[in-house]
Amino acid sequence: QVQLTASGGGLVQPGGSLRLSCATSGITFNFNVMGWYRQAPGKERELVTIVTNSGSTNYADSVKGRFTIYRDNAKSTVYLQMNSLKPEDTAVYYCNAVVIRGITSINYWGQGTQVTVSS
């Protein structure tokens, strides 16, 4: 059974930094894509960033230059380094992993970790 466990959230002041981690277990393969989504109160879940198994990345415009995603394939873990945090970054952050087999894709989700940016 595949499990994704997110950690590292918390309360931070504006301008501060946090690093989120998403550890995976119960797998014997590398995920094709891993990433982070977030959902703020009253809003829909949105994509923050993704990284492919070849290292290609994509970021939402709102976090470019401030957030960095990287993955450790040996540990099947993905990280999100968040710098220069803003109050609008406050949300529950979810890690996501995708396995692609031909035309079929399977999504796995972590349980979410709360990030609160406030003074």
Protein backbone atom coordinates (compact mmCIF):
# COMPACT_ATOMS: atom_id res chain seq x y z
CA GLN A 1 0.00 0.00 0.00
CA VAL A 2 1.45 3.31 -1.10
CA GLN A 3 1.55 6.03 1.55
CA LEU A 4 2.70 9.63 1.39
CA THR A 5 3.49 11.35 4.66
CA ALA A 6 3.92 15.09 4.66
CA SER A 7 5.64 17.01 7.42
CA GLY A 8 7.36 20.30 8.15
CA GLY A 9 4.45 22.70 8.30
CA GLY A 10 3.99 25.24 11.04
CA LEU A 11 3.64 28.87 11.96
CA VAL A 12 6.16 31.30 10.52
CA GLN A 13 6.42 35.07 10.29
CA PRO A 14 6.25 36.85 6.94
CA GLY A 15 9.61 36.68 5.24
CA GLY A 16 10.48 33.45 6.99
CA SER A 17 11.24 30.00 5.62
CA LEU A 18 9.96 26.48 5.99
CA ARG A 19 10.88 23.17 4.43
CA LEU A 20 8.22 20.59 3.78
CA SER A 21 9.01 16.93 3.30
CA CYS A 22 6.95 14.15 1.78
CA ALA A 23 8.15 10.66 2.46
CA THR A 24 6.73 7.74 0.56
CA SER A 25 6.45 4.13 1.56
CA GLY A 26 5.05 0.90 0.23
CA ILE A 27 6.47 1.36 -3.26
CA THR A 28 8.97 -0.42 -5.47
CA PHE A 29 9.06 2.12 -8.30
CA ASN A 30 9.85 5.76 -8.90
CA PHE A 31 6.96 8.11 -9.34
CA ASN A 32 6.89 9.84 -12.72
CA VAL A 33 5.86 13.14 -11.18
CA MET A 34 5.89 14.42 -7.62
CA GLY A 35 4.61 17.73 -6.45
CA TRP A 36 2.90 19.98 -3.98
CA TYR A 37 -0.57 21.47 -4.00
CA ARG A 38 -2.17 23.77 -1.50
CA GLN A 39 -5.63 24.73 -0.41
CA ALA A 40 -6.43 27.91 1.44
CA PRO A 41 -9.68 28.34 3.39
CA GLY A 42 -12.60 28.91 1.03
CA LYS A 43 -10.50 28.27 -2.04
CA GLU A 44 -9.93 25.39 -4.39
CA ARG A 45 -6.83 23.27 -4.24
CA GLU A 46 -4.15 24.67 -6.52
CA LEU A 47 -0.90 23.45 -7.95
CA VAL A 48 2.21 24.88 -6.32
CA THR A 49 4.97 22.98 -8.04
CA ILE A 50 5.91 19.67 -9.61
CA VAL A 51 9.10 17.82 -10.44
CA THR A 52 9.46 14.92 -12.86
CA ASN A 53 11.71 11.93 -12.36
CA SER A 54 14.15 13.52 -14.80
CA GLY A 55 14.33 16.66 -12.67
CA SER A 56 12.20 19.03 -14.73
CA THR A 57 10.23 21.46 -12.61
CA ASN A 58 7.27 23.74 -12.96
CA TYR A 59 6.07 26.41 -10.53
CA ALA A 60 2.97 28.48 -10.04
CA ASP A 61 3.68 32.11 -10.86
CA SER A 62 2.87 33.12 -7.30
CA VAL A 63 5.79 31.12 -5.88
CA LYS A 64 8.44 31.44 -8.57
CA GLY A 65 11.73 32.61 -7.18
CA ARG A 66 10.67 31.85 -3.61
CA PHE A 67 9.92 28.12 -3.54
CA THR A 68 12.14 25.27 -4.66
CA ILE A 69 11.11 21.67 -5.14
CA TYR A 70 13.58 18.83 -5.19
CA ARG A 71 13.37 15.11 -4.88
CA ASP A 72 15.59 12.36 -3.61
CA ASN A 73 14.75 9.35 -5.75
CA ALA A 74 16.84 7.03 -3.60
CA LYS A 75 14.64 7.91 -0.64
CA SER A 76 11.46 8.41 -2.69
CA THR A 77 11.06 11.72 -0.93
CA VAL A 78 10.15 15.13 -2.24
CA TYR A 79 10.91 18.41 -0.50
CA LEU A 80 9.59 21.92 -0.80
CA GLN A 81 11.85 24.72 0.36
CA MET A 82 9.77 27.83 0.93
CA ASN A 83 11.50 31.16 1.40
CA SER A 84 10.24 34.72 1.70
CA LEU A 85 6.90 33.45 2.85
CA LYS A 86 3.88 35.70 2.60
CA PRO A 87 0.54 35.63 4.43
CA GLU A 88 -1.10 34.55 1.18
CA ASP A 89 0.96 31.35 1.29
CA THR A 90 -1.11 30.25 4.26
CA ALA A 91 -2.80 26.98 3.34
CA VAL A 92 -2.82 23.26 3.84
CA TYR A 93 -0.09 21.82 1.67
CA TYR A 94 -0.56 18.41 0.10
CA CYS A 95 2.07 16.30 -1.54
CA ASN A 96 1.16 14.40 -4.64
CA ALA A 97 2.78 11.59 -6.58
CA VAL A 98 1.79 10.26 -9.98
CA VAL A 99 2.54 6.97 -11.65
CA ILE A 100 2.03 6.94 -15.41
CA ARG A 101 1.65 3.67 -17.29
CA GLY A 102 0.85 4.27 -20.93
CA ILE A 103 -2.40 6.21 -21.02
CA THR A 104 -3.20 5.45 -17.40
CA SER A 105 -2.14 7.57 -14.45
CA ILE A 106 -2.60 6.94 -10.76
CA ASN A 107 -2.51 9.77 -8.24
CA TYR A 108 -1.44 9.38 -4.64
CA TRP A 109 -1.96 12.06 -1.99
CA GLY A 110 -0.47 12.81 1.37
CA GLN A 111 -2.52 13.89 4.34
CA GLY A 112 -1.65 17.58 4.19
CA THR A 113 0.37 19.81 6.45
CA GLN A 114 -0.70 23.25 7.64
CA VAL A 115 1.44 26.26 6.80
CA THR A 116 0.49 29.52 8.49
CA VAL A 117 2.29 32.74 7.70
CA SER A 118 1.43 35.41 10.20
CA SER A 119 3.01 37.99 12.45
